[in-house]
PDB file of all heavy atoms in Angstrom:
ATOM      1  N   ASP A   1      -3.499 -26.314  -8.393  1.00  0.00           N
ATOM      2  CA  ASP A   1      -2.729 -26.833  -9.454  1.00  0.00           C
ATOM      3  C   ASP A   1      -2.051 -25.629 -10.193  1.00  0.00           C
ATOM      4  O   ASP A   1      -2.752 -24.798 -10.804  1.00  0.00           O
ATOM      5  CB  ASP A   1      -3.564 -27.573 -10.536  1.00  0.00           C
ATOM      6  CG  ASP A   1      -2.707 -28.385 -11.457  1.00  0.00           C
ATOM      7  OD1 ASP A   1      -1.846 -27.848 -12.129  1.00  0.00           O
ATOM      8  OD2 ASP A   1      -2.998 -29.558 -11.634  1.00  0.00           O
ATOM      9  N   HIS A   2      -0.728 -25.517  -9.844  1.00  0.00           N
ATOM     10  CA  HIS A   2      -0.064 -24.305 -10.343  1.00  0.00           C
ATOM     11  C   HIS A   2      -0.103 -24.144 -11.862  1.00  0.00           C
ATOM     12  O   HIS A   2      -0.256 -23.008 -12.388  1.00  0.00           O
ATOM     13  CB  HIS A   2       1.382 -24.420  -9.980  1.00  0.00           C
ATOM     14  CG  HIS A   2       2.273 -23.363 -10.513  1.00  0.00           C
ATOM     15  ND1 HIS A   2       2.273 -22.065  -9.890  1.00  0.00           N
ATOM     16  CD2 HIS A   2       3.081 -23.251 -11.616  1.00  0.00           C
ATOM     17  CE1 HIS A   2       3.156 -21.316 -10.633  1.00  0.00           C
ATOM     18  NE2 HIS A   2       3.586 -21.877 -11.635  1.00  0.00           N
ATOM     19  N   ASP A   3      -0.060 -25.280 -12.586  1.00  0.00           N
ATOM     20  CA  ASP A   3      -0.024 -25.219 -13.999  1.00  0.00           C
ATOM     21  C   ASP A   3      -1.391 -25.019 -14.642  1.00  0.00           C
ATOM     22  O   ASP A   3      -1.612 -24.429 -15.669  1.00  0.00           O
ATOM     23  CB  ASP A   3       0.656 -26.428 -14.664  1.00  0.00           C
ATOM     24  CG  ASP A   3       2.135 -26.506 -14.148  1.00  0.00           C
ATOM     25  OD1 ASP A   3       2.801 -25.507 -14.116  1.00  0.00           O
ATOM     26  OD2 ASP A   3       2.592 -27.592 -13.881  1.00  0.00           O
ATOM     27  N   ARG A   4      -2.450 -25.649 -14.049  1.00  0.00           N
ATOM     28  CA  ARG A   4      -3.692 -25.670 -14.676  1.00  0.00           C
ATOM     29  C   ARG A   4      -4.801 -24.858 -14.010  1.00  0.00           C
ATOM     30  O   ARG A   4      -5.877 -24.506 -14.526  1.00  0.00           O
ATOM     31  CB  ARG A   4      -4.299 -27.098 -14.665  1.00  0.00           C
ATOM     32  CG  ARG A   4      -3.432 -28.107 -15.426  1.00  0.00           C
ATOM     33  CD  ARG A   4      -4.099 -29.475 -15.358  1.00  0.00           C
ATOM     34  NE  ARG A   4      -3.285 -30.525 -16.079  1.00  0.00           N
ATOM     35  CZ  ARG A   4      -2.311 -31.231 -15.532  1.00  0.00           C
ATOM     36  NH1 ARG A   4      -2.033 -31.039 -14.232  1.00  0.00           N
ATOM     37  NH2 ARG A   4      -1.659 -32.138 -16.170  1.00  0.00           N
ATOM     38  N   GLY A   5      -4.466 -24.264 -12.777  1.00  0.00           N
ATOM     39  CA  GLY A   5      -5.467 -23.571 -11.967  1.00  0.00           C
ATOM     40  C   GLY A   5      -5.666 -22.127 -12.339  1.00  0.00           C
ATOM     41  O   GLY A   5      -6.731 -21.561 -12.116  1.00  0.00           O
ATOM     42  N   GLY A   6      -4.657 -21.333 -12.834  1.00  0.00           N
ATOM     43  CA  GLY A   6      -4.799 -19.993 -13.123  1.00  0.00           C
ATOM     44  C   GLY A   6      -4.419 -19.118 -11.880  1.00  0.00           C
ATOM     45  O   GLY A   6      -4.609 -19.550 -10.714  1.00  0.00           O
ATOM     46  N   TYR A   7      -3.917 -17.912 -12.164  1.00  0.00           N
ATOM     47  CA  TYR A   7      -3.563 -17.005 -11.128  1.00  0.00           C
ATOM     48  C   TYR A   7      -3.544 -15.573 -11.741  1.00  0.00           C
ATOM     49  O   TYR A   7      -3.557 -15.326 -12.855  1.00  0.00           O
ATOM     50  CB  TYR A   7      -2.240 -17.304 -10.560  1.00  0.00           C
ATOM     51  CG  TYR A   7      -1.005 -17.311 -11.448  1.00  0.00           C
ATOM     52  CD1 TYR A   7      -0.345 -16.162 -11.703  1.00  0.00           C
ATOM     53  CD2 TYR A   7      -0.621 -18.525 -12.074  1.00  0.00           C
ATOM     54  CE1 TYR A   7       0.738 -16.086 -12.644  1.00  0.00           C
ATOM     55  CE2 TYR A   7       0.348 -18.496 -13.022  1.00  0.00           C
ATOM     56  CZ  TYR A   7       1.124 -17.289 -13.250  1.00  0.00           C
ATOM     57  OH  TYR A   7       2.152 -17.281 -14.124  1.00  0.00           O
ATOM     58  N   PHE A   8      -3.457 -14.569 -10.731  1.00  0.00           N
ATOM     59  CA  PHE A   8      -3.365 -13.185 -11.069  1.00  0.00           C
ATOM     60  C   PHE A   8      -2.332 -12.557 -10.178  1.00  0.00           C
ATOM     61  O   PHE A   8      -2.500 -12.397  -9.076  1.00  0.00           O
ATOM     62  CB  PHE A   8      -4.770 -12.518 -10.789  1.00  0.00           C
ATOM     63  CG  PHE A   8      -4.840 -11.032 -11.137  1.00  0.00           C
ATOM     64  CD1 PHE A   8      -3.931 -10.378 -11.937  1.00  0.00           C
ATOM     65  CD2 PHE A   8      -6.057 -10.359 -10.739  1.00  0.00           C
ATOM     66  CE1 PHE A   8      -4.042  -9.029 -12.274  1.00  0.00           C
ATOM     67  CE2 PHE A   8      -6.167  -9.020 -11.031  1.00  0.00           C
ATOM     68  CZ  PHE A   8      -5.168  -8.360 -11.764  1.00  0.00           C
ATOM     69  N   ARG A   9      -1.188 -12.167 -10.854  1.00  0.00           N
ATOM     70  CA  ARG A   9       0.047 -11.705 -10.161  1.00  0.00           C
ATOM     71  C   ARG A   9       0.166 -10.221 -10.384  1.00  0.00           C
ATOM     72  O   ARG A   9       0.091  -9.771 -11.552  1.00  0.00           O
ATOM     73  CB  ARG A   9       1.220 -12.398 -10.569  1.00  0.00           C
ATOM     74  CG  ARG A   9       2.450 -11.926  -9.965  1.00  0.00           C
ATOM     75  CD  ARG A   9       3.681 -12.782 -10.351  1.00  0.00           C
ATOM     76  NE  ARG A   9       4.948 -12.309  -9.874  1.00  0.00           N
ATOM     77  CZ  ARG A   9       5.863 -11.541 -10.570  1.00  0.00           C
ATOM     78  NH1 ARG A   9       5.558 -11.292 -11.779  1.00  0.00           N
ATOM     79  NH2 ARG A   9       6.882 -11.056 -10.019  1.00  0.00           N
ATOM     80  N   LEU A  10       0.419  -9.430  -9.294  1.00  0.00           N
ATOM     81  CA  LEU A  10       0.836  -7.983  -9.450  1.00  0.00           C
ATOM     82  C   LEU A  10       1.846  -7.830  -8.324  1.00  0.00           C
ATOM     83  O   LEU A  10       1.448  -7.841  -7.130  1.00  0.00           O
ATOM     84  CB  LEU A  10      -0.349  -7.057  -9.242  1.00  0.00           C
ATOM     85  CG  LEU A  10      -0.009  -5.522  -9.366  1.00  0.00           C
ATOM     86  CD1 LEU A  10       0.611  -5.195 -10.702  1.00  0.00           C
ATOM     87  CD2 LEU A  10      -1.178  -4.708  -9.016  1.00  0.00           C
ATOM     88  N   ALA A  11       3.139  -7.711  -8.728  1.00  0.00           N
ATOM     89  CA  ALA A  11       4.205  -7.749  -7.710  1.00  0.00           C
ATOM     90  C   ALA A  11       5.403  -7.100  -8.298  1.00  0.00           C
ATOM     91  O   ALA A  11       5.509  -6.823  -9.472  1.00  0.00           O
ATOM     92  CB  ALA A  11       4.511  -9.207  -7.419  1.00  0.00           C
ATOM     93  N   SER A  12       6.385  -6.750  -7.418  1.00  0.00           N
ATOM     94  CA  SER A  12       7.655  -6.283  -7.741  1.00  0.00           C
ATOM     95  C   SER A  12       8.361  -7.246  -8.770  1.00  0.00           C
ATOM     96  O   SER A  12       8.236  -8.431  -8.530  1.00  0.00           O
ATOM     97  CB  SER A  12       8.550  -5.987  -6.528  1.00  0.00           C
ATOM     98  OG  SER A  12       9.941  -5.855  -6.856  1.00  0.00           O
ATOM     99  N   ASP A  13       9.099  -6.694  -9.699  1.00  0.00           N
ATOM    100  CA  ASP A  13       9.764  -7.632 -10.637  1.00  0.00           C
ATOM    101  C   ASP A  13      11.114  -8.178 -10.046  1.00  0.00           C
ATOM    102  O   ASP A  13      11.824  -8.907 -10.671  1.00  0.00           O
ATOM    103  CB  ASP A  13      10.131  -6.920 -11.947  1.00  0.00           C
ATOM    104  CG  ASP A  13      11.190  -5.845 -11.822  1.00  0.00           C
ATOM    105  OD1 ASP A  13      11.503  -5.363 -10.654  1.00  0.00           O
ATOM    106  OD2 ASP A  13      11.728  -5.449 -12.813  1.00  0.00           O
ATOM    107  N   ASP A  14      11.474  -7.729  -8.809  1.00  0.00           N
ATOM    108  CA  ASP A  14      12.658  -8.160  -8.177  1.00  0.00           C
ATOM    109  C   ASP A  14      12.440  -9.461  -7.381  1.00  0.00           C
ATOM    110  O   ASP A  14      11.662  -9.435  -6.349  1.00  0.00           O
ATOM    111  CB  ASP A  14      13.199  -7.055  -7.147  1.00  0.00           C
ATOM    112  CG  ASP A  14      14.540  -7.408  -6.556  1.00  0.00           C
ATOM    113  OD1 ASP A  14      14.901  -8.568  -6.670  1.00  0.00           O
ATOM    114  OD2 ASP A  14      15.104  -6.577  -5.843  1.00  0.00           O
ATOM    115  N   PRO A  15      12.953 -10.569  -7.856  1.00  0.00           N
ATOM    116  CA  PRO A  15      12.575 -11.822  -7.147  1.00  0.00           C
ATOM    117  C   PRO A  15      13.239 -11.968  -5.771  1.00  0.00           C
ATOM    118  O   PRO A  15      12.806 -12.706  -4.957  1.00  0.00           O
ATOM    119  CB  PRO A  15      13.219 -12.928  -8.125  1.00  0.00           C
ATOM    120  CG  PRO A  15      14.290 -12.209  -8.794  1.00  0.00           C
ATOM    121  CD  PRO A  15      13.749 -10.846  -9.005  1.00  0.00           C
ATOM    122  N   GLN A  16      14.238 -11.021  -5.506  1.00  0.00           N
ATOM    123  CA  GLN A  16      14.742 -11.073  -4.285  1.00  0.00           C
ATOM    124  C   GLN A  16      14.226 -10.094  -3.219  1.00  0.00           C
ATOM    125  O   GLN A  16      14.733  -9.921  -2.046  1.00  0.00           O
ATOM    126  CB  GLN A  16      16.341 -10.760  -4.374  1.00  0.00           C
ATOM    127  CG  GLN A  16      17.070 -11.726  -5.288  1.00  0.00           C
ATOM    128  CD  GLN A  16      16.913 -13.148  -4.828  1.00  0.00           C
ATOM    129  OE1 GLN A  16      17.034 -13.493  -3.773  1.00  0.00           O
ATOM    130  NE2 GLN A  16      16.604 -14.028  -5.897  1.00  0.00           N
ATOM    131  N   ALA A  17      13.183  -9.450  -3.636  1.00  0.00           N
ATOM    132  CA  ALA A  17      12.590  -8.412  -2.718  1.00  0.00           C
ATOM    133  C   ALA A  17      12.044  -9.118  -1.506  1.00  0.00           C
ATOM    134  O   ALA A  17      11.511 -10.168  -1.545  1.00  0.00           O
ATOM    135  CB  ALA A  17      11.473  -7.645  -3.491  1.00  0.00           C
ATOM    136  N   THR A  18      12.193  -8.345  -0.386  1.00  0.00           N
ATOM    137  CA  THR A  18      11.613  -8.818   0.904  1.00  0.00           C
ATOM    138  C   THR A  18      10.167  -8.509   0.882  1.00  0.00           C
ATOM    139  O   THR A  18       9.745  -7.362   0.566  1.00  0.00           O
ATOM    140  CB  THR A  18      12.323  -8.283   1.989  1.00  0.00           C
ATOM    141  OG1 THR A  18      13.688  -8.554   2.001  1.00  0.00           O
ATOM    142  CG2 THR A  18      11.614  -8.699   3.359  1.00  0.00           C
ATOM    143  N   CYS A  19       9.328  -9.432   1.220  1.00  0.00           N
ATOM    144  CA  CYS A  19       7.851  -9.205   1.181  1.00  0.00           C
ATOM    145  C   CYS A  19       7.244  -9.244   2.536  1.00  0.00           C
ATOM    146  O   CYS A  19       7.557 -10.128   3.313  1.00  0.00           O
ATOM    147  CB  CYS A  19       7.171 -10.227   0.233  1.00  0.00           C
ATOM    148  SG  CYS A  19       7.742 -10.323  -1.385  1.00  0.00           S
ATOM    149  N   LYS A  20       6.403  -8.335   2.829  1.00  0.00           N
ATOM    150  CA  LYS A  20       5.661  -8.250   4.102  1.00  0.00           C
ATOM    151  C   LYS A  20       4.188  -7.967   3.742  1.00  0.00           C
ATOM    152  O   LYS A  20       3.828  -7.272   2.791  1.00  0.00           O
ATOM    153  CB  LYS A  20       6.161  -7.156   5.002  1.00  0.00           C
ATOM    154  CG  LYS A  20       7.631  -7.305   5.423  1.00  0.00           C
ATOM    155  CD  LYS A  20       7.893  -8.417   6.314  1.00  0.00           C
ATOM    156  CE  LYS A  20       9.239  -8.466   6.830  1.00  0.00           C
ATOM    157  NZ  LYS A  20       9.521  -9.595   7.781  1.00  0.00           N
ATOM    158  N   GLN A  21       3.352  -8.464   4.619  1.00  0.00           N
ATOM    159  CA  GLN A  21       1.916  -8.301   4.349  1.00  0.00           C
ATOM    160  C   GLN A  21       1.111  -8.002   5.550  1.00  0.00           C
ATOM    161  O   GLN A  21       1.402  -8.517   6.687  1.00  0.00           O
ATOM    162  CB  GLN A  21       1.250  -9.645   3.773  1.00  0.00           C
ATOM    163  CG  GLN A  21      -0.041  -9.468   3.005  1.00  0.00           C
ATOM    164  CD  GLN A  21      -0.424 -10.765   2.288  1.00  0.00           C
ATOM    165  OE1 GLN A  21      -0.524 -11.807   2.895  1.00  0.00           O
ATOM    166  NE2 GLN A  21      -0.641 -10.737   0.891  1.00  0.00           N
ATOM    167  N   LEU A  22       0.139  -7.116   5.403  1.00  0.00           N
ATOM    168  CA  LEU A  22      -0.687  -6.636   6.668  1.00  0.00           C
ATOM    169  C   LEU A  22      -2.016  -6.160   6.153  1.00  0.00           C
ATOM    170  O   LEU A  22      -2.165  -5.842   4.952  1.00  0.00           O
ATOM    171  CB  LEU A  22       0.005  -5.552   7.371  1.00  0.00           C
ATOM    172  CG  LEU A  22       0.043  -4.209   6.753  1.00  0.00           C
ATOM    173  CD1 LEU A  22       0.250  -3.080   7.869  1.00  0.00           C
ATOM    174  CD2 LEU A  22       1.253  -4.056   5.804  1.00  0.00           C
ATOM    175  N   TYR A  23      -2.925  -6.113   7.046  1.00  0.00           N
ATOM    176  CA  TYR A  23      -4.212  -5.441   6.694  1.00  0.00           C
ATOM    177  C   TYR A  23      -4.200  -4.027   7.140  1.00  0.00           C
ATOM    178  O   TYR A  23      -3.613  -3.623   8.176  1.00  0.00           O
ATOM    179  CB  TYR A  23      -5.396  -6.114   7.479  1.00  0.00           C
ATOM    180  CG  TYR A  23      -5.872  -7.428   6.881  1.00  0.00           C
ATOM    181  CD1 TYR A  23      -5.558  -8.668   7.441  1.00  0.00           C
ATOM    182  CD2 TYR A  23      -6.608  -7.434   5.753  1.00  0.00           C
ATOM    183  CE1 TYR A  23      -6.013  -9.818   6.982  1.00  0.00           C
ATOM    184  CE2 TYR A  23      -7.082  -8.622   5.142  1.00  0.00           C
ATOM    185  CZ  TYR A  23      -6.753  -9.788   5.792  1.00  0.00           C
ATOM    186  OH  TYR A  23      -7.239 -10.992   5.230  1.00  0.00           O
ATOM    187  N   TYR A  24      -4.869  -3.134   6.307  1.00  0.00           N
ATOM    188  CA  TYR A  24      -5.022  -1.767   6.815  1.00  0.00           C
ATOM    189  C   TYR A  24      -5.867  -1.887   8.055  1.00  0.00           C
ATOM    190  O   TYR A  24      -6.767  -2.759   8.071  1.00  0.00           O
ATOM    191  CB  TYR A  24      -5.758  -0.994   5.746  1.00  0.00           C
ATOM    192  CG  TYR A  24      -5.716   0.499   5.997  1.00  0.00           C
ATOM    193  CD1 TYR A  24      -4.609   1.251   5.617  1.00  0.00           C
ATOM    194  CD2 TYR A  24      -6.731   1.169   6.777  1.00  0.00           C
ATOM    195  CE1 TYR A  24      -4.615   2.604   5.880  1.00  0.00           C
ATOM    196  CE2 TYR A  24      -6.744   2.465   7.003  1.00  0.00           C
ATOM    197  CZ  TYR A  24      -5.544   3.261   6.550  1.00  0.00           C
ATOM    198  OH  TYR A  24      -5.501   4.581   6.845  1.00  0.00           O
ATOM    199  N   PRO A  25      -5.637  -1.212   9.172  1.00  0.00           N
ATOM    200  CA  PRO A  25      -6.220  -1.525  10.439  1.00  0.00           C
ATOM    201  C   PRO A  25      -7.724  -1.641  10.397  1.00  0.00           C
ATOM    202  O   PRO A  25      -8.464  -0.857   9.847  1.00  0.00           O
ATOM    203  CB  PRO A  25      -5.795  -0.306  11.291  1.00  0.00           C
ATOM    204  CG  PRO A  25      -4.487   0.143  10.682  1.00  0.00           C
ATOM    205  CD  PRO A  25      -4.652  -0.117   9.178  1.00  0.00           C
ATOM    206  N   ASP A  26      -8.185  -2.688  11.055  1.00  0.00           N
ATOM    207  CA  ASP A  26      -9.633  -3.066  11.170  1.00  0.00           C
ATOM    208  C   ASP A  26     -10.462  -3.027   9.901  1.00  0.00           C
ATOM    209  O   ASP A  26     -11.502  -2.467   9.821  1.00  0.00           O
ATOM    210  CB  ASP A  26     -10.236  -1.984  12.183  1.00  0.00           C
ATOM    211  CG  ASP A  26      -9.828  -2.282  13.603  1.00  0.00           C
ATOM    212  OD1 ASP A  26      -9.406  -3.427  14.011  1.00  0.00           O
ATOM    213  OD2 ASP A  26      -9.961  -1.358  14.371  1.00  0.00           O
ATOM    214  N   THR A  27      -9.789  -3.525   8.812  1.00  0.00           N
ATOM    215  CA  THR A  27     -10.505  -3.667   7.542  1.00  0.00           C
ATOM    216  C   THR A  27     -10.073  -4.919   6.872  1.00  0.00           C
ATOM    217  O   THR A  27      -9.371  -5.770   7.429  1.00  0.00           O
ATOM    218  CB  THR A  27      -9.932  -2.496   6.558  1.00  0.00           C
ATOM    219  OG1 THR A  27      -8.730  -2.822   6.027  1.00  0.00           O
ATOM    220  CG2 THR A  27     -10.016  -1.119   7.229  1.00  0.00           C
ATOM    221  N   ALA A  28     -10.731  -5.181   5.619  1.00  0.00           N
ATOM    222  CA  ALA A  28     -10.357  -6.273   4.847  1.00  0.00           C
ATOM    223  C   ALA A  28      -9.549  -5.794   3.640  1.00  0.00           C
ATOM    224  O   ALA A  28      -9.502  -6.591   2.659  1.00  0.00           O
ATOM    225  CB  ALA A  28     -11.640  -7.031   4.420  1.00  0.00           C
ATOM    226  N   SER A  29      -8.884  -4.709   3.724  1.00  0.00           N
ATOM    227  CA  SER A  29      -8.066  -4.224   2.617  1.00  0.00           C
ATOM    228  C   SER A  29      -6.543  -4.714   2.949  1.00  0.00           C
ATOM    229  O   SER A  29      -6.058  -4.416   4.097  1.00  0.00           O
ATOM    230  CB  SER A  29      -8.098  -2.658   2.563  1.00  0.00           C
ATOM    231  OG  SER A  29      -9.297  -2.276   2.213  1.00  0.00           O
ATOM    232  N   LEU A  30      -6.024  -5.453   2.088  1.00  0.00           N
ATOM    233  CA  LEU A  30      -4.705  -6.216   2.296  1.00  0.00           C
ATOM    234  C   LEU A  30      -3.649  -5.463   1.668  1.00  0.00           C
ATOM    235  O   LEU A  30      -3.677  -5.170   0.435  1.00  0.00           O
ATOM    236  CB  LEU A  30      -4.922  -7.577   1.725  1.00  0.00           C
ATOM    237  CG  LEU A  30      -3.837  -8.591   2.007  1.00  0.00           C
ATOM    238  CD1 LEU A  30      -3.717  -8.831   3.546  1.00  0.00           C
ATOM    239  CD2 LEU A  30      -3.990  -9.799   1.219  1.00  0.00           C
ATOM    240  N   VAL A  31      -2.575  -5.240   2.313  1.00  0.00           N
ATOM    241  CA  VAL A  31      -1.418  -4.446   1.872  1.00  0.00           C
ATOM    242  C   VAL A  31      -0.242  -5.474   1.799  1.00  0.00           C
ATOM    243  O   VAL A  31       0.182  -6.057   2.750  1.00  0.00           O
ATOM    244  CB  VAL A  31      -1.085  -3.237   2.694  1.00  0.00           C
ATOM    245  CG1 VAL A  31       0.126  -2.517   2.139  1.00  0.00           C
ATOM    246  CG2 VAL A  31      -2.207  -2.404   2.937  1.00  0.00           C
ATOM    247  N   THR A  32       0.380  -5.602   0.609  1.00  0.00           N
ATOM    248  CA  THR A  32       1.509  -6.472   0.393  1.00  0.00           C
ATOM    249  C   THR A  32       2.716  -5.496  -0.013  1.00  0.00           C
ATOM    250  O   THR A  32       2.614  -4.698  -0.966  1.00  0.00           O
ATOM    251  CB  THR A  32       1.342  -7.497  -0.745  1.00  0.00           C
ATOM    252  OG1 THR A  32       0.101  -8.221  -0.490  1.00  0.00           O
ATOM    253  CG2 THR A  32       2.545  -8.445  -0.808  1.00  0.00           C
ATOM    254  N   ARG A  33       3.778  -5.566   0.811  1.00  0.00           N
ATOM    255  CA  ARG A  33       4.830  -4.666   0.590  1.00  0.00           C
ATOM    256  C   ARG A  33       6.133  -5.379   0.048  1.00  0.00           C
ATOM    257  O   ARG A  33       6.412  -6.472   0.439  1.00  0.00           O
ATOM    258  CB  ARG A  33       5.310  -3.957   1.985  1.00  0.00           C
ATOM    259  CG  ARG A  33       4.060  -3.369   2.694  1.00  0.00           C
ATOM    260  CD  ARG A  33       4.476  -2.639   3.909  1.00  0.00           C
ATOM    261  NE  ARG A  33       5.053  -1.314   3.506  1.00  0.00           N
ATOM    262  CZ  ARG A  33       6.196  -0.770   3.977  1.00  0.00           C
ATOM    263  NH1 ARG A  33       6.788  -1.445   4.956  1.00  0.00           N
ATOM    264  NH2 ARG A  33       6.587   0.369   3.624  1.00  0.00           N
ATOM    265  N   PHE A  34       6.717  -4.664  -0.881  1.00  0.00           N
ATOM    266  CA  PHE A  34       7.969  -5.291  -1.560  1.00  0.00           C
ATOM    267  C   PHE A  34       9.199  -4.313  -1.247  1.00  0.00           C
ATOM    268  O   PHE A  34       9.008  -3.172  -1.708  1.00  0.00           O
ATOM    269  CB  PHE A  34       7.759  -5.425  -3.062  1.00  0.00           C
ATOM    270  CG  PHE A  34       6.512  -6.285  -3.425  1.00  0.00           C
ATOM    271  CD1 PHE A  34       5.288  -5.657  -3.525  1.00  0.00           C
ATOM    272  CD2 PHE A  34       6.706  -7.588  -3.574  1.00  0.00           C
ATOM    273  CE1 PHE A  34       4.181  -6.472  -3.803  1.00  0.00           C
ATOM    274  CE2 PHE A  34       5.554  -8.442  -3.966  1.00  0.00           C
ATOM    275  CZ  PHE A  34       4.338  -7.832  -4.052  1.00  0.00           C
TER     276      PHE A  34
END
């Protein structure tokens, strides 16, 4: 529920930024690129 469920956002302020996501190799550390 977008309105009632809650979220935690940390992201570029540019809504047009191209986003890519990957894991650091062989880990559970997640990298999100803007």
